[in-house]
């Protein structure tokens, strides 16, 4: 109701998070209210604690009652249907539940109302059906999960644990995380669980399952072990099952009973190189050649795909260049949006000259090389935004889809194959257009697009934006087999955004990328020559 009333988004999120915390606290809620420790739980401040106390003692809330008086009956249930705003709910004239709305749509009654129509009615029906499906478990983006796991590990390390290691999907750097897993070496198991219960992120402990619930809505799983078995426990807890089974098939049948303080010692016993966690379970794990040439963050010498305040970035060209230089980079590509991206203040032709003049001016004051580029929209017919004679004058062209993402498979494949087949060198930007936890990938024949790109001139980016991480690691080996080169990009819209590079590198490693397959490991002059459009 706060959201529907137009309240501050931070306040809305605070209440949403507080609701998850209350659900996870369960029977512990009353005790924490009584002893005043409720505000020590992460996500519960004084305002929420007051609301919780009122609800617990009276069964109602003055704030809630006031909000209810401002809205029609059934507004909360109806607002959960995607596409229904407060204005539309008021226009429904007495429909007070999703079931009533569904019946009205099926009867063709909604289309007759002012502000609605046949397409809106059809969209509402689809939204109702989607809402009826079971909700997927809560997941966190990788960097959020990494930061939380690190904070929890630091909270345990030293006090009740001699060693704490992050394991599971976070260690494997999967894009989204459903639970955190830690391997904890300790001689004080009782003290460990008492300490876990006091952590500010923990809302409930389920010791019999070696699990705790976190205020972020996901579980924390602890693998408690001894120092002598740390390596064995870490390997098993990192997984995945397929990788562990492959090791067992190679002769480590007694893995679950092994006593090794070091993971690498277990691999050595098998006569195979230690496998980086990002590669475990992939097609490239247990490669007898080893992984000495696997891409690392230190291998990257250029920041690719950077936006400035000429489009939807927050910082100036000079601020972005100096930030890249401070990170030890040799070059940075300024790739603001093209004119068709109106929502992102795409750079028009008249402003493009102004930008190029500013790049030239800034270049005289900084040591990092600035390459002038564009993130050119792939138009619906497969053409690139900007005239050909302008595209040819950029130092680098990133070609991306930002609109019409819902074309059918055949249309999207035709659109992309035409774009990837263009004779200029282009970098296929955030290839499948997904937004993690929000938007599905576009529907296209990926192998067909890769075939065209392999015959043309171009590369693919592994986009380090934690919301994208696109091209998905699943498809990287298919591109490698076709000899297609890559860049690991940051898609940065601020100087802070440059910091996502390690996340992009982790995804590249999950796809098995080696240093020689990534163009922005090359020195500035060689990189510029390789990506030059013509």
Protein backbone atom coordinates (compact mmCIF):
# COMPACT_ATOMS: atom_id res chain seq x y z
CA UNK A 1 0.00 0.00 0.00
CA UNK A 2 2.95 2.33 0.61
CA UNK A 3 4.13 1.70 -2.95
CA UNK A 4 0.66 2.28 -4.38
CA UNK A 5 0.46 5.54 -2.43
CA UNK A 6 3.63 6.79 -4.11
CA UNK A 7 5.78 6.60 -0.98
CA UNK A 8 9.58 6.88 -1.13
CA UNK A 9 11.07 3.73 -2.73
CA UNK A 10 13.58 3.32 0.11
CA UNK A 11 10.75 3.24 2.64
CA UNK A 12 8.85 0.68 0.57
CA UNK A 13 11.92 -1.59 0.34
CA UNK A 14 12.50 -1.24 4.08
CA UNK A 15 8.98 -2.55 4.79
CA UNK A 16 9.39 -5.37 2.24
CA UNK A 17 12.64 -6.45 3.81
CA UNK A 18 11.17 -6.12 7.30
CA UNK A 19 8.33 -8.44 6.29
CA UNK A 20 10.82 -11.13 5.20
CA UNK A 21 12.71 -10.76 8.48
CA UNK A 22 9.52 -11.14 10.54
CA UNK A 23 8.56 -14.29 8.62
CA UNK A 24 12.01 -15.81 9.15
CA UNK A 25 12.14 -14.95 12.86
CA UNK A 26 9.06 -17.07 13.53
CA UNK A 27 8.75 -17.91 17.23
CA UNK A 28 11.84 -15.83 18.09
CA UNK A 29 10.01 -12.61 17.21
CA UNK A 30 8.18 -12.22 20.52
CA UNK A 31 11.33 -12.85 22.57
CA UNK A 32 13.33 -10.29 20.60
CA UNK A 33 10.57 -7.72 21.02
CA UNK A 34 10.43 -8.37 24.76
CA UNK A 35 14.17 -8.04 25.42
CA UNK A 36 14.57 -5.14 22.99
CA UNK A 37 17.02 -6.95 20.71
CA UNK A 38 14.70 -6.73 17.68
CA UNK A 39 16.54 -3.65 16.38
CA UNK A 40 19.82 -5.60 16.42
CA UNK A 41 18.48 -7.76 13.58
CA UNK A 42 19.60 -6.39 10.22
CA UNK A 43 16.64 -4.87 8.40
CA UNK A 44 14.69 -3.80 11.50
CA UNK A 45 15.10 -0.20 12.62
CA UNK A 46 13.21 1.76 15.26
CA UNK A 47 10.31 2.69 12.96
CA UNK A 48 9.69 -0.89 11.88
CA UNK A 49 10.14 -2.13 15.46
CA UNK A 50 7.37 0.24 16.55
CA UNK A 51 5.06 -1.04 13.82
CA UNK A 52 5.83 -4.67 14.71
CA UNK A 53 5.18 -4.05 18.40
CA UNK A 54 1.82 -2.40 17.61
CA UNK A 55 0.77 -5.27 15.35
CA UNK A 56 1.84 -7.86 17.94
CA UNK A 57 0.01 -6.19 20.83
CA UNK A 58 -3.17 -4.99 19.10
CA UNK A 59 -3.46 -7.06 15.93
CA UNK A 60 -3.73 -3.91 13.82
CA UNK A 61 -1.82 -0.76 12.87
CA UNK A 62 -2.94 2.85 12.60
CA UNK A 63 -0.63 3.35 9.63
CA UNK A 64 -2.10 0.35 7.82
CA UNK A 65 -5.68 1.42 8.53
CA UNK A 66 -5.00 4.90 7.18
CA UNK A 67 -3.50 3.47 4.00
CA UNK A 68 -6.44 1.10 3.52
CA UNK A 69 -8.87 4.02 3.75
CA UNK A 70 -7.17 5.67 0.77
CA UNK A 71 -7.67 2.79 -1.66
CA UNK A 72 -10.52 0.73 -3.18
CA UNK A 73 -11.35 -2.73 -1.77
CA UNK A 74 -9.14 -5.51 -3.10
CA UNK A 75 -6.43 -3.06 -4.18
CA UNK A 76 -3.54 -5.10 -2.79
CA UNK A 77 -4.61 -8.31 -4.52
CA UNK A 78 -5.30 -6.52 -7.80
CA UNK A 79 -2.06 -4.51 -7.67
CA UNK A 80 -0.11 -7.77 -7.78
CA UNK A 81 -1.35 -8.22 -11.37
CA UNK A 82 1.28 -6.76 -13.67
CA UNK A 83 -0.09 -3.84 -15.66
CA UNK A 84 -2.68 -2.70 -13.11
CA UNK A 85 -2.01 0.77 -11.72
CA UNK A 86 -4.09 2.54 -9.07
CA UNK A 87 -5.75 4.56 -11.84
CA UNK A 88 -6.75 1.39 -13.68
CA UNK A 89 -7.92 -0.35 -10.51
CA UNK A 90 -10.25 2.60 -9.79
CA UNK A 91 -11.54 2.37 -13.36
CA UNK A 92 -12.55 -1.29 -12.84
CA UNK A 93 -15.71 -0.07 -11.04
CA UNK A 94 -16.12 -2.49 -8.16
CA UNK A 95 -14.03 -5.47 -9.30
CA UNK A 96 -12.40 -6.34 -5.99
CA UNK A 97 -10.42 -9.54 -6.54
CA UNK A 98 -8.20 -11.24 -9.11
CA UNK A 99 -10.82 -13.97 -9.58
CA UNK A 100 -13.46 -11.35 -10.45
CA UNK A 101 -11.02 -9.63 -12.80
CA UNK A 102 -10.30 -12.91 -14.59
CA UNK A 103 -14.00 -13.62 -15.07
CA UNK A 104 -14.57 -10.10 -16.40
CA UNK A 105 -11.67 -10.47 -18.86
CA UNK A 106 -12.93 -13.84 -20.08
CA UNK A 107 -16.39 -12.34 -20.59
CA UNK A 108 -14.91 -9.47 -22.64
CA UNK A 109 -16.19 -6.87 -20.18
CA UNK A 110 -12.86 -5.18 -19.33
CA UNK A 111 -12.19 -4.11 -22.93
CA UNK A 112 -15.33 -1.98 -22.82
CA UNK A 113 -14.07 0.15 -19.95
CA UNK A 114 -12.47 3.52 -20.57
CA UNK A 115 -8.67 3.28 -20.66
CA UNK A 116 -8.68 -0.42 -21.51
CA UNK A 117 -8.93 -2.32 -24.78
CA UNK A 118 -8.63 -5.78 -26.33
CA UNK A 119 -4.83 -5.90 -26.04
CA UNK A 120 -4.87 -4.68 -22.45
CA UNK A 121 -7.49 -7.27 -21.58
CA UNK A 122 -5.37 -10.02 -23.14
CA UNK A 123 -2.27 -8.78 -21.30
CA UNK A 124 -4.13 -8.81 -18.00
CA UNK A 125 -5.28 -12.38 -18.56
CA UNK A 126 -1.69 -13.47 -19.24
CA UNK A 127 -0.48 -11.61 -16.14
CA UNK A 128 -3.13 -13.32 -14.01
CA UNK A 129 -2.01 -16.74 -15.26
CA UNK A 130 1.64 -15.91 -14.55
CA UNK A 131 0.79 -14.68 -11.05
CA UNK A 132 -0.92 -18.01 -10.33
CA UNK A 133 2.31 -19.92 -10.95
CA UNK A 134 4.41 -20.88 -7.89
CA UNK A 135 6.98 -18.23 -7.01
CA UNK A 136 10.63 -19.11 -7.49
CA UNK A 137 12.86 -19.05 -4.39
CA UNK A 138 14.60 -15.80 -3.53
CA UNK A 139 17.99 -15.33 -5.22
CA UNK A 140 20.76 -12.74 -4.92
CA UNK A 141 22.98 -11.30 -7.62
CA UNK A 142 26.52 -12.65 -7.44
CA UNK A 143 28.31 -9.55 -6.04
CA UNK A 144 25.63 -9.08 -3.37
CA UNK A 145 26.02 -12.72 -2.34
CA UNK A 146 29.82 -12.44 -2.37
CA UNK A 147 29.74 -9.36 -0.13
CA UNK A 148 27.28 -10.96 2.31
CA UNK A 149 29.23 -14.23 2.47
CA UNK A 150 32.43 -12.29 3.14
CA UNK A 151 30.83 -10.30 5.98
CA UNK A 152 29.47 -13.46 7.60
CA UNK A 153 32.80 -15.27 7.21
CA UNK A 154 34.59 -12.33 8.85
CA UNK A 155 32.05 -12.44 11.67
CA UNK A 156 32.93 -16.06 12.41
CA UNK A 157 36.63 -16.14 11.63
CA UNK A 158 38.91 -15.85 14.66
CA UNK A 159 36.22 -15.85 17.34
CA UNK A 160 34.92 -19.42 17.16
CA UNK A 161 36.54 -20.72 13.96
CA UNK A 162 40.17 -21.29 13.02
CA UNK A 163 39.33 -21.10 9.32
CA UNK A 164 36.29 -20.08 7.24
CA UNK A 165 36.09 -20.55 3.47
CA UNK A 166 33.33 -19.54 1.06
CA UNK A 167 32.04 -22.54 -0.91
CA UNK A 168 29.09 -23.56 -3.09
CA UNK A 169 27.66 -21.49 -5.92
CA UNK A 170 29.30 -18.28 -4.70
CA UNK A 171 32.75 -19.83 -4.99
CA UNK A 172 31.85 -21.13 -8.44
CA UNK A 173 30.75 -17.56 -9.34
CA UNK A 174 27.31 -18.52 -10.62
CA UNK A 175 25.27 -15.55 -11.84
CA UNK A 176 22.57 -15.73 -9.15
CA UNK A 177 22.71 -17.37 -5.74
CA UNK A 178 19.95 -19.24 -3.91
CA UNK A 179 21.94 -20.01 -0.74
CA UNK A 180 25.29 -19.23 0.85
CA UNK A 181 27.64 -22.02 1.87
CA UNK A 182 30.61 -21.71 4.23
CA UNK A 183 33.15 -24.31 5.30
CA UNK A 184 34.06 -23.71 8.94
CA UNK A 185 36.93 -25.41 10.77
CA UNK A 186 36.35 -25.30 14.52
CA UNK A 187 36.80 -27.26 17.73
CA UNK A 188 33.94 -25.40 19.41
CA UNK A 189 30.77 -26.43 17.57
CA UNK A 190 28.46 -25.23 20.33
CA UNK A 191 30.14 -21.83 20.44
CA UNK A 192 29.98 -21.59 16.65
CA UNK A 193 26.20 -21.93 16.55
CA UNK A 194 25.76 -19.49 19.42
CA UNK A 195 27.85 -16.99 17.46
CA UNK A 196 25.84 -17.64 14.27
CA UNK A 197 22.59 -16.91 16.13
CA UNK A 198 23.96 -13.50 17.19
CA UNK A 199 25.00 -12.40 13.69
CA UNK A 200 22.91 -9.38 12.60
CA UNK A 201 21.96 -11.03 9.29
CA UNK A 202 20.61 -14.21 10.92
CA UNK A 203 16.89 -14.41 11.70
CA UNK A 204 16.59 -18.11 12.59
CA UNK A 205 18.94 -21.03 13.24
CA UNK A 206 18.03 -24.58 12.18
CA UNK A 207 20.96 -26.40 13.69
CA UNK A 208 19.65 -29.89 12.92
CA UNK A 209 19.90 -28.98 9.23
CA UNK A 210 23.18 -27.04 9.65
CA UNK A 211 21.31 -24.04 8.29
CA UNK A 212 20.42 -20.50 9.25
CA UNK A 213 17.90 -18.16 7.63
CA UNK A 214 19.12 -14.70 6.63
CA UNK A 215 17.29 -11.39 6.55
CA UNK A 216 17.96 -11.27 2.79
CA UNK A 217 15.52 -14.15 2.34
CA UNK A 218 18.01 -16.92 1.57
CA UNK A 219 19.65 -19.70 3.59
CA UNK A 220 23.15 -19.99 5.01
CA UNK A 221 24.52 -23.55 5.07
CA UNK A 222 27.51 -24.34 7.29
CA UNK A 223 29.81 -27.27 6.58
CA UNK A 224 31.50 -27.76 9.96
CA UNK A 225 34.78 -29.67 9.86
CA UNK A 226 38.23 -30.01 11.39
CA UNK A 227 41.43 -28.40 10.13
CA UNK A 228 42.69 -31.82 9.05
CA UNK A 229 39.71 -32.33 6.75
CA UNK A 230 39.40 -28.73 5.53
CA UNK A 231 40.51 -29.47 1.96
CA UNK A 232 38.21 -32.45 1.54
CA UNK A 233 35.24 -30.56 3.00
CA UNK A 234 35.90 -27.49 0.85
CA UNK A 235 36.05 -29.59 -2.32
CA UNK A 236 32.81 -31.40 -1.52
CA UNK A 237 31.02 -28.19 -0.47
CA UNK A 238 32.16 -26.31 -3.59
CA UNK A 239 30.84 -29.02 -5.90
CA UNK A 240 28.99 -29.30 -8.15
CA UNK A 241 28.01 -32.95 -7.86
CA UNK A 242 29.11 -33.74 -11.42
CA UNK A 243 32.64 -32.52 -10.78
CA UNK A 244 32.94 -34.44 -7.51
CA UNK A 245 31.66 -37.59 -9.20
CA UNK A 246 34.18 -37.15 -12.02
CA UNK A 247 36.97 -36.98 -9.44
CA UNK A 248 35.67 -40.07 -7.69
CA UNK A 249 35.55 -41.91 -11.02
CA UNK A 250 39.24 -41.13 -11.55
CA UNK A 251 40.20 -43.01 -8.40
CA UNK A 252 39.34 -40.82 -5.43
CA UNK A 253 36.58 -43.13 -4.28
CA UNK A 254 37.30 -42.40 -0.64
CA UNK A 255 36.95 -38.64 -1.09
CA UNK A 256 34.29 -38.26 1.59
CA UNK A 257 36.58 -39.91 4.16
CA UNK A 258 39.83 -38.21 3.10
CA UNK A 259 41.83 -36.14 5.54
CA UNK A 260 43.55 -33.36 3.64
CA UNK A 261 44.01 -29.78 4.83
CA UNK A 262 44.57 -28.68 1.23
CA UNK A 263 42.29 -29.00 -1.79
CA UNK A 264 45.24 -29.01 -4.16
CA UNK A 265 46.65 -32.10 -2.42
CA UNK A 266 43.51 -34.03 -3.32
CA UNK A 267 43.89 -33.15 -7.00
CA UNK A 268 47.57 -34.02 -6.82
CA UNK A 269 46.69 -37.47 -5.52
CA UNK A 270 44.66 -37.96 -8.72
CA UNK A 271 47.43 -36.72 -10.95
CA UNK A 272 45.33 -33.88 -12.39
CA UNK A 273 45.84 -30.10 -12.10
CA UNK A 274 43.88 -28.17 -9.50
CA UNK A 275 40.68 -26.93 -11.14
CA UNK A 276 39.66 -23.28 -10.58
CA UNK A 277 36.24 -23.24 -8.89
CA UNK A 278 34.62 -21.28 -11.77
CA UNK A 279 35.36 -24.15 -14.15
CA UNK A 280 34.13 -27.01 -11.99
CA UNK A 281 31.32 -28.83 -13.71
CA UNK A 282 32.06 -27.24 -17.09
CA UNK A 283 33.20 -28.98 -20.24
CA UNK A 284 36.76 -27.81 -19.56
CA UNK A 285 37.26 -29.21 -16.07
CA UNK A 286 39.89 -31.91 -15.51
CA UNK A 287 41.87 -30.62 -18.51
CA UNK A 288 45.28 -32.35 -18.27
CA UNK A 289 46.95 -29.26 -19.78
CA UNK A 290 46.08 -27.22 -16.71
CA UNK A 291 44.87 -23.66 -16.44
CA UNK A 292 47.97 -21.48 -16.33
CA UNK A 293 46.68 -19.38 -19.23
CA UNK A 294 43.12 -18.98 -17.89
CA UNK A 295 42.04 -15.33 -17.96
CA UNK A 296 42.66 -13.27 -14.81
CA UNK A 297 41.70 -9.72 -13.86
CA UNK A 298 45.38 -8.79 -13.95
CA UNK A 299 45.45 -9.74 -17.65
CA UNK A 300 42.97 -7.00 -18.60
CA UNK A 301 44.66 -3.74 -19.61
CA UNK A 302 41.75 -1.83 -21.15
CA UNK A 303 38.30 -0.78 -19.94
CA UNK A 304 35.75 -1.51 -22.66
CA UNK A 305 32.14 -0.25 -22.92
CA UNK A 306 32.04 2.93 -20.86
CA UNK A 307 29.30 5.57 -20.82
CA UNK A 308 29.65 9.23 -19.89
CA UNK A 309 27.32 12.15 -19.24
CA UNK A 310 27.00 12.55 -23.00
CA UNK A 311 24.33 9.82 -22.76
CA UNK A 312 23.14 8.05 -19.60
CA UNK A 313 26.42 8.00 -17.68
CA UNK A 314 27.01 9.98 -14.48
CA UNK A 315 30.58 11.12 -15.03
CA UNK A 316 32.48 13.17 -17.58
CA UNK A 317 34.92 11.80 -20.13
CA UNK A 318 37.85 13.07 -18.08
CA UNK A 319 36.53 11.57 -14.84
CA UNK A 320 36.05 8.18 -16.50
CA UNK A 321 39.50 8.33 -18.10
CA UNK A 322 41.25 9.26 -14.86
CA UNK A 323 39.40 6.52 -12.97
CA UNK A 324 40.54 3.94 -15.54
CA UNK A 325 44.08 5.27 -15.32
CA UNK A 326 44.00 5.01 -11.51
CA UNK A 327 43.11 1.32 -11.92
CA UNK A 328 46.23 0.78 -14.02
CA UNK A 329 44.50 0.59 -17.39
CA UNK A 330 46.26 1.46 -20.64
CA UNK A 331 43.10 2.52 -22.48
CA UNK A 332 39.39 3.15 -22.17
CA UNK A 333 36.65 3.07 -24.80
CA UNK A 334 34.04 5.82 -24.59
CA UNK A 335 30.97 4.13 -26.05
CA UNK A 336 27.90 6.23 -25.37
CA UNK A 337 24.50 5.32 -26.77
CA UNK A 338 23.54 6.10 -30.37
CA UNK A 339 20.68 8.46 -31.40
CA UNK A 340 17.89 5.84 -31.48
CA UNK A 341 18.30 5.26 -27.72
CA UNK A 342 16.21 8.32 -26.83
CA UNK A 343 15.58 7.05 -23.30
CA UNK A 344 19.36 7.08 -22.69
CA UNK A 345 19.99 10.48 -24.29
CA UNK A 346 21.67 8.87 -27.28
CA UNK A 347 24.36 11.04 -28.87
CA UNK A 348 23.03 12.81 -31.97
CA UNK A 349 25.25 13.67 -34.92
CA UNK A 350 25.59 17.31 -33.92
CA UNK A 351 26.67 16.35 -30.37
CA UNK A 352 29.01 13.66 -31.65
CA UNK A 353 31.49 16.22 -33.00
CA UNK A 354 31.34 18.01 -29.65
CA UNK A 355 32.14 14.73 -27.88
CA UNK A 356 35.05 13.94 -30.19
CA UNK A 357 36.49 17.41 -29.62
CA UNK A 358 36.25 16.88 -25.86
CA UNK A 359 37.93 13.47 -26.13
CA UNK A 360 40.82 15.10 -28.01
CA UNK A 361 41.10 17.80 -25.35
CA UNK A 362 41.03 15.34 -22.44
CA UNK A 363 43.57 13.10 -24.18
CA UNK A 364 46.14 15.90 -23.84
CA UNK A 365 45.74 15.82 -20.04
CA UNK A 366 45.69 12.09 -19.26
CA UNK A 367 48.06 9.21 -19.84
CA UNK A 368 45.44 6.55 -20.55
CA UNK A 369 44.53 6.27 -24.22
CA UNK A 370 40.93 7.22 -25.01
CA UNK A 371 39.27 5.41 -27.91
CA UNK A 372 36.19 7.09 -29.32
CA UNK A 373 33.39 4.65 -29.82
CA UNK A 374 29.67 4.03 -29.73
CA UNK A 375 27.19 1.53 -28.41
CA UNK A 376 25.20 1.49 -31.61
CA UNK A 377 21.67 0.15 -31.46
CA UNK A 378 20.91 -2.85 -33.66
CA UNK A 379 17.75 -1.64 -35.35
CA UNK A 380 14.80 -3.92 -35.99
CA UNK A 381 15.96 -4.60 -39.58
CA UNK A 382 19.49 -5.51 -38.44
CA UNK A 383 21.11 -2.24 -39.49
CA UNK A 384 23.29 -0.29 -37.08
CA UNK A 385 22.40 3.16 -35.80
CA UNK A 386 24.43 6.06 -37.37
CA UNK A 387 25.19 6.30 -41.11
CA UNK A 388 27.94 4.02 -42.46
CA UNK A 389 30.36 6.90 -43.07
CA UNK A 390 30.06 7.86 -39.37
CA UNK A 391 30.42 4.29 -38.08
CA UNK A 392 33.63 3.96 -40.07
CA UNK A 393 35.17 6.91 -38.23
CA UNK A 394 34.81 5.43 -34.74
CA UNK A 395 37.70 3.60 -33.12
CA UNK A 396 35.37 0.90 -31.79
CA UNK A 397 31.74 -0.08 -32.36
CA UNK A 398 29.66 -2.08 -29.86
CA UNK A 399 26.45 -3.34 -31.45
CA UNK A 400 23.60 -4.00 -29.01
CA UNK A 401 19.85 -4.50 -28.90
CA UNK A 402 17.93 -2.17 -26.58
CA UNK A 403 14.42 -2.24 -28.05
CA UNK A 404 11.94 -4.67 -29.64
CA UNK A 405 13.30 -7.51 -27.49
CA UNK A 406 10.17 -9.60 -27.96
CA UNK A 407 10.42 -10.32 -31.68
CA UNK A 408 9.74 -13.97 -32.41
CA UNK A 409 12.64 -16.39 -32.82
CA UNK A 410 12.81 -16.21 -36.61
CA UNK A 411 12.60 -12.41 -36.72
CA UNK A 412 15.19 -11.95 -33.96
CA UNK A 413 17.58 -14.42 -35.60
CA UNK A 414 17.27 -12.61 -38.94
CA UNK A 415 17.83 -9.27 -37.22
CA UNK A 416 20.98 -10.46 -35.47
CA UNK A 417 22.47 -12.42 -38.35
CA UNK A 418 22.19 -9.38 -40.58
CA UNK A 419 23.86 -7.18 -37.95
CA UNK A 420 26.62 -9.68 -37.21
CA UNK A 421 27.23 -10.18 -40.94
CA UNK A 422 27.94 -6.51 -41.63
CA UNK A 423 31.47 -6.06 -42.99
CA UNK A 424 32.64 -3.64 -40.27
CA UNK A 425 34.26 -4.94 -37.10
CA UNK A 426 31.74 -4.82 -34.27
CA UNK A 427 31.55 -6.16 -30.74
CA UNK A 428 28.25 -7.90 -30.01
CA UNK A 429 27.13 -6.16 -26.83
CA UNK A 430 25.21 -7.90 -23.98
CA UNK A 431 24.32 -10.45 -26.60
CA UNK A 432 21.07 -11.98 -25.32
CA UNK A 433 19.74 -8.84 -23.62
CA UNK A 434 18.89 -10.52 -20.36
CA UNK A 435 18.45 -8.71 -17.05
CA UNK A 436 19.08 -11.22 -14.28
CA UNK A 437 16.11 -11.81 -11.96
CA UNK A 438 14.04 -9.50 -14.14
CA UNK A 439 14.09 -10.14 -17.89
CA UNK A 440 14.58 -13.36 -19.84
CA UNK A 441 17.10 -13.61 -22.70
CA UNK A 442 15.89 -12.78 -26.18
CA UNK A 443 14.73 -15.74 -28.24
CA UNK A 444 17.05 -16.43 -31.16
CA UNK A 445 19.02 -19.22 -32.82
CA UNK A 446 22.31 -18.53 -31.06
CA UNK A 447 24.41 -21.08 -33.04
CA UNK A 448 23.19 -19.53 -36.30
CA UNK A 449 24.19 -16.04 -35.14
CA UNK A 450 27.58 -17.33 -33.99
CA UNK A 451 28.12 -18.98 -37.38
CA UNK A 452 27.56 -15.66 -39.14
CA UNK A 453 29.78 -13.73 -36.75
CA UNK A 454 32.56 -16.30 -37.17
CA UNK A 455 32.52 -15.69 -40.94
CA UNK A 456 32.39 -11.92 -40.50
CA UNK A 457 34.51 -9.43 -38.58
CA UNK A 458 33.70 -9.08 -34.92
CA UNK A 459 33.92 -10.18 -31.32
CA UNK A 460 31.55 -10.78 -28.40
CA UNK A 461 31.57 -9.05 -25.04
CA UNK A 462 31.28 -10.78 -21.71
CA UNK A 463 29.40 -7.98 -19.97
CA UNK A 464 30.50 -7.53 -16.35
CA UNK A 465 27.40 -5.62 -15.23
CA UNK A 466 26.11 -7.88 -12.41
CA UNK A 467 22.56 -7.51 -13.75
CA UNK A 468 23.60 -8.78 -17.19
CA UNK A 469 26.67 -11.10 -17.18
CA UNK A 470 25.98 -11.62 -20.84
CA UNK A 471 27.01 -13.52 -23.07
CA UNK A 472 26.00 -16.27 -20.59
CA UNK A 473 28.91 -18.61 -19.80
CA UNK A 474 26.88 -21.49 -21.26
CA UNK A 475 27.40 -20.11 -24.78
CA UNK A 476 31.05 -19.06 -24.48
CA UNK A 477 32.47 -22.51 -25.43
CA UNK A 478 30.29 -22.54 -28.57
CA UNK A 479 31.78 -19.21 -29.65
CA UNK A 480 35.31 -20.38 -28.80
CA UNK A 481 34.89 -23.44 -30.99
CA UNK A 482 34.15 -21.10 -33.90
CA UNK A 483 37.28 -19.07 -33.26
CA UNK A 484 35.39 -15.92 -32.21
CA UNK A 485 37.31 -13.45 -30.04
CA UNK A 486 35.98 -11.74 -26.91
CA UNK A 487 36.27 -8.64 -24.78
CA UNK A 488 35.45 -8.55 -21.08
CA UNK A 489 33.57 -5.30 -20.60
CA UNK A 490 32.30 -3.27 -17.67
CA UNK A 491 29.29 -1.51 -19.27
CA UNK A 492 30.11 1.24 -16.78
CA UNK A 493 27.78 4.21 -16.36
CA UNK A 494 29.95 5.79 -13.66
CA UNK A 495 33.49 5.65 -12.31
CA UNK A 496 32.21 3.25 -9.66
CA UNK A 497 30.93 0.99 -12.45
CA UNK A 498 34.50 0.25 -13.52
CA UNK A 499 34.75 -1.89 -10.39
CA UNK A 500 32.65 -4.72 -11.85
CA UNK A 501 35.56 -5.95 -13.99
CA UNK A 502 36.40 -8.92 -11.69
CA UNK A 503 32.80 -10.15 -11.94
CA UNK A 504 33.05 -10.12 -15.74
CA UNK A 505 36.36 -11.97 -15.58
CA UNK A 506 34.81 -14.65 -13.37
CA UNK A 507 32.09 -15.24 -15.97
CA UNK A 508 34.70 -15.41 -18.72
CA UNK A 509 36.59 -17.99 -16.68
CA UNK A 510 33.39 -20.01 -16.27
CA UNK A 511 33.30 -20.19 -20.05
CA UNK A 512 36.92 -21.34 -20.12
CA UNK A 513 38.34 -18.21 -21.77
CA UNK A 514 42.11 -18.03 -22.02
CA UNK A 515 44.11 -14.79 -22.15
CA UNK A 516 44.84 -14.99 -25.88
CA UNK A 517 41.09 -15.17 -26.63
CA UNK A 518 40.32 -11.81 -24.98
CA UNK A 519 41.15 -8.72 -27.00
CA UNK A 520 41.42 -6.25 -24.12
CA UNK A 521 44.41 -8.15 -22.77
CA UNK A 522 46.29 -6.62 -25.73
CA UNK A 523 48.30 -3.37 -25.50
CA UNK A 524 46.50 -0.22 -26.59
CA UNK A 525 47.88 0.04 -30.12
CA UNK A 526 47.26 -3.63 -30.92
CA UNK A 527 43.77 -3.55 -29.42
CA UNK A 528 42.88 -0.43 -31.44
CA UNK A 529 44.12 -2.08 -34.62
CA UNK A 530 42.15 -5.27 -33.99
CA UNK A 531 38.80 -3.56 -33.25
CA UNK A 532 38.98 -0.75 -35.83
CA UNK A 533 35.67 -0.84 -37.74
CA UNK A 534 37.27 -0.72 -41.21
